[in-house]
Amino acid sequence: MEVYHGHYSNKQQILPVGEGDFSFSLFLAKSFGSATNITATSLDTREELERKYEDAKKNVEELETLGCTVVHSVDVHSMDTNYRVGRSIMYDRIIFNFPHAGFIFGRESDSYTIMNHKEVVRGFFASARELVKDDGEIHVTHKTGHPFSNWNIKTLAEEKGLYFYKEKEFETWQYPGYSNKRGSGSNCDSSFPVGKSSTFMFGKQLYLGL
């Protein structure tokens, strides 16, 4: 039986990337009752995860019990050449929630900071394009207010040969148990306010349903 939650179902091969404490992937797995269709990845090693996030160890263990393939030390720029992620699998959905280049000197509104963030997203789109099915979708959830709107997510996707499908407002209450993380610094295990955010959806083919 196919089980849906929002944009995702247990019949899709799903690749969440850049996970913090893996609470988003665990939410999907619990919604489906299984995680055999999910390959969840983090940039952190397993040791780094357990050091940074209080709930990471139990979240990952529960995911693995549900059949998830959990892969650590995955750079979103090179994941298409990572045999642990590809393994000849093509994905229906690739998800990157709140991409960020990390905490550096300066402010989010500084042009240099924005440039670094945009490079993270560009590399992700290029790599994700090689892993998504022809009729699959690449989802990026991102803040839409200033200065985050200056990342120009849609333009970055177009540069990598992707088509914009649609934008859907993101609300954390739709994903109970998901806790977004700052990811670095002394407050790495803290959540940040998402404010006005959207999930932007892209694909390799022109979407004729618009």
Protein backbone atom coordinates (compact mmCIF):
# COMPACT_ATOMS: atom_id res chain seq x y z
CA MET A 1 0.00 0.00 0.00
CA GLU A 2 1.30 3.43 -0.91
CA VAL A 3 1.56 5.82 2.03
CA TYR A 4 1.83 9.55 1.39
CA HIS A 5 2.90 12.46 3.48
CA GLY A 6 2.86 15.77 1.65
CA HIS A 7 5.23 15.57 -1.32
CA TYR A 8 6.62 12.15 -0.36
CA SER A 9 5.55 8.51 -0.36
CA ASN A 10 6.94 5.13 0.66
CA LYS A 11 7.04 4.09 -3.01
CA GLN A 12 9.60 6.77 -3.85
CA GLN A 13 13.34 6.39 -3.53
CA ILE A 14 14.15 9.36 -1.29
CA LEU A 15 17.54 10.97 -0.61
CA PRO A 16 17.64 13.59 2.17
CA VAL A 17 21.07 15.27 2.29
CA GLY A 18 22.84 17.55 4.74
CA GLU A 19 20.94 16.10 7.68
CA GLY A 20 21.60 17.48 11.17
CA ASP A 21 20.36 15.06 13.82
CA PHE A 22 18.43 13.02 11.19
CA SER A 23 15.09 14.02 12.68
CA PHE A 24 13.65 14.88 9.24
CA SER A 25 14.48 11.48 7.79
CA LEU A 26 13.14 9.82 10.93
CA PHE A 27 9.88 11.73 10.57
CA LEU A 28 9.47 10.40 7.02
CA ALA A 29 10.32 6.87 8.13
CA LYS A 30 7.77 6.95 10.94
CA SER A 31 5.13 8.36 8.56
CA PHE A 32 5.72 5.47 6.16
CA GLY A 33 6.19 2.79 8.84
CA SER A 34 9.46 1.85 7.15
CA ALA A 35 12.65 3.47 5.85
CA THR A 36 13.73 0.92 3.26
CA ASN A 37 13.13 3.53 0.52
CA ILE A 38 15.27 6.19 2.21
CA THR A 39 19.01 6.87 1.93
CA ALA A 40 19.79 9.61 4.46
CA THR A 41 23.12 11.43 4.51
CA SER A 42 25.10 13.91 6.57
CA LEU A 43 28.29 15.87 6.03
CA ASP A 44 29.31 14.98 9.59
CA THR A 45 30.91 11.69 10.55
CA ARG A 46 28.98 9.50 12.94
CA GLU A 47 31.33 10.52 15.75
CA GLU A 48 30.80 14.22 14.99
CA LEU A 49 27.05 13.74 14.93
CA GLU A 50 26.95 12.10 18.33
CA ARG A 51 29.16 14.83 19.75
CA LYS A 52 27.14 17.70 18.27
CA TYR A 53 23.54 16.55 18.59
CA GLU A 54 21.94 15.08 21.70
CA ASP A 55 19.37 13.01 19.79
CA ALA A 56 21.50 11.98 16.80
CA LYS A 57 22.55 8.55 18.10
CA LYS A 58 19.04 7.36 18.91
CA ASN A 59 17.61 8.88 15.72
CA VAL A 60 20.16 7.12 13.51
CA GLU A 61 19.74 3.82 15.34
CA GLU A 62 15.96 4.00 14.96
CA LEU A 63 16.31 4.82 11.26
CA GLU A 64 18.59 1.84 10.72
CA THR A 65 16.16 -0.41 12.59
CA LEU A 66 13.46 0.77 10.18
CA GLY A 67 15.66 -0.18 7.22
CA CYS A 68 17.17 3.17 6.28
CA THR A 69 20.57 3.38 4.60
CA VAL A 70 22.44 6.01 6.63
CA VAL A 71 25.61 7.42 5.09
CA HIS A 72 27.99 9.84 6.79
CA SER A 73 30.74 12.16 5.47
CA VAL A 74 28.83 12.95 2.27
CA ASP A 75 29.67 16.20 0.48
CA VAL A 76 26.65 17.39 -1.52
CA HIS A 77 29.02 18.59 -4.26
CA SER A 78 30.34 15.10 -4.97
CA MET A 79 27.57 12.77 -3.85
CA ASP A 80 26.92 11.63 -7.42
CA THR A 81 30.36 9.98 -7.44
CA ASN A 82 29.99 8.51 -3.95
CA TYR A 83 29.28 4.79 -4.41
CA ARG A 84 27.60 4.64 -0.99
CA VAL A 85 24.95 7.09 -2.19
CA GLY A 86 24.61 6.13 -5.84
CA ARG A 87 25.01 2.36 -5.83
CA SER A 88 23.31 2.42 -9.27
CA ILE A 89 20.17 3.86 -7.59
CA MET A 90 18.36 6.84 -9.10
CA TYR A 91 16.10 8.83 -6.80
CA ASP A 92 12.53 10.08 -7.09
CA ARG A 93 13.09 12.83 -4.52
CA ILE A 94 16.30 14.51 -3.36
CA ILE A 95 15.82 16.85 -0.39
CA PHE A 96 18.11 19.54 1.01
CA ASN A 97 16.57 21.44 3.92
CA PHE A 98 18.01 24.86 4.75
CA PRO A 99 21.38 24.63 2.97
CA HIS A 100 24.07 26.73 4.60
CA ALA A 101 27.80 27.23 4.11
CA GLY A 102 28.41 27.27 7.86
CA PHE A 103 29.12 30.07 10.27
CA ILE A 104 31.81 32.39 9.06
CA PHE A 105 32.89 35.92 9.91
CA GLY A 106 30.44 38.60 8.89
CA ARG A 107 26.70 38.76 8.54
CA GLU A 108 24.19 36.79 6.47
CA SER A 109 23.61 39.92 4.40
CA ASP A 110 27.29 40.34 3.42
CA SER A 111 27.92 39.70 -0.27
CA TYR A 112 30.83 37.36 0.51
CA THR A 113 28.64 35.27 2.83
CA ILE A 114 25.86 35.05 0.25
CA MET A 115 28.40 34.02 -2.40
CA ASN A 116 29.57 31.13 -0.20
CA HIS A 117 26.01 29.96 0.39
CA LYS A 118 25.24 30.10 -3.33
CA GLU A 119 28.29 27.96 -4.11
CA VAL A 120 26.99 25.26 -1.75
CA VAL A 121 23.64 25.24 -3.55
CA ARG A 122 25.18 25.31 -7.04
CA GLY A 123 27.30 22.28 -6.27
CA PHE A 124 24.32 20.48 -4.79
CA PHE A 125 22.17 21.08 -7.87
CA ALA A 126 24.91 19.85 -10.22
CA SER A 127 25.41 16.66 -8.23
CA ALA A 128 21.72 16.05 -7.53
CA ARG A 129 20.92 16.35 -11.23
CA GLU A 130 23.03 13.24 -11.85
CA LEU A 131 21.17 11.25 -9.19
CA VAL A 132 17.53 12.18 -9.77
CA LYS A 133 15.29 10.25 -12.16
CA ASP A 134 14.11 11.93 -15.33
CA ASP A 135 10.66 12.38 -13.79
CA GLY A 136 11.96 12.94 -10.25
CA GLU A 137 12.20 16.13 -8.23
CA ILE A 138 14.89 18.02 -6.33
CA HIS A 139 13.58 19.92 -3.31
CA VAL A 140 15.33 22.77 -1.50
CA THR A 141 13.68 24.28 1.57
CA HIS A 142 14.91 27.81 2.13
CA LYS A 143 14.03 31.05 3.90
CA THR A 144 12.39 33.51 1.55
CA GLY A 145 12.91 36.81 3.38
CA HIS A 146 15.85 39.17 3.10
CA PRO A 147 18.79 38.48 2.85
CA PHE A 148 18.10 34.83 1.99
CA SER A 149 16.05 35.81 -1.05
CA ASN A 150 19.32 37.15 -2.50
CA TRP A 151 20.54 33.59 -2.97
CA ASN A 152 18.26 33.40 -6.04
CA ILE A 153 17.58 29.68 -5.66
CA LYS A 154 15.61 29.43 -8.92
CA THR A 155 18.42 31.00 -10.93
CA LEU A 156 21.01 28.67 -9.39
CA ALA A 157 18.91 25.69 -10.46
CA GLU A 158 18.49 27.02 -13.99
CA GLU A 159 22.26 27.41 -14.27
CA LYS A 160 22.55 23.64 -13.72
CA GLY A 161 19.95 22.71 -16.31
CA LEU A 162 16.99 22.28 -13.97
CA TYR A 163 13.43 23.51 -14.39
CA PHE A 164 11.40 25.14 -11.64
CA TYR A 165 8.20 23.20 -10.88
CA LYS A 166 6.55 24.91 -7.94
CA GLU A 167 7.02 26.59 -4.57
CA LYS A 168 5.21 25.40 -1.46
CA GLU A 169 5.18 27.25 1.86
CA PHE A 170 7.10 25.31 4.50
CA GLU A 171 5.57 24.91 7.96
CA THR A 172 7.41 22.96 10.67
CA TRP A 173 4.13 21.75 12.20
CA GLN A 174 3.66 19.61 9.11
CA TYR A 175 6.74 17.62 10.14
CA PRO A 176 6.29 16.73 13.82
CA GLY A 177 9.54 15.64 15.41
CA TYR A 178 11.70 17.45 12.87
CA SER A 179 14.17 19.78 14.57
CA ASN A 180 16.25 21.96 12.26
CA LYS A 181 19.78 22.58 13.56
CA ARG A 182 22.27 25.44 13.44
CA GLY A 183 24.90 22.82 12.66
CA SER A 184 28.07 24.51 13.85
CA GLY A 185 29.38 26.70 16.64
CA SER A 186 28.67 26.44 20.34
CA ASN A 187 24.91 26.32 19.70
CA CYS A 188 25.07 23.68 16.97
CA ASP A 189 22.28 21.61 18.58
CA SER A 190 19.91 24.58 18.76
CA SER A 191 17.12 25.17 16.28
CA PHE A 192 16.76 28.43 14.41
CA PRO A 193 13.51 30.23 13.53
CA VAL A 194 12.55 29.35 9.98
CA GLY A 195 10.34 32.42 9.58
CA LYS A 196 8.91 32.61 6.08
CA SER A 197 10.26 29.61 4.23
CA SER A 198 9.34 27.62 1.16
CA THR A 199 10.16 24.30 -0.42
CA PHE A 200 11.29 24.93 -4.00
CA MET A 201 10.82 21.99 -6.37
CA PHE A 202 12.85 21.40 -9.52
CA GLY A 203 13.26 18.70 -12.16
CA LYS A 204 15.18 17.76 -15.27
CA GLN A 205 12.17 18.02 -17.54
CA LEU A 206 9.93 20.96 -18.35
CA TYR A 207 6.83 20.61 -16.18
CA LEU A 208 3.77 20.89 -18.41
CA GLY A 209 1.30 20.88 -15.56
CA LEU A 210 1.84 24.55 -14.76
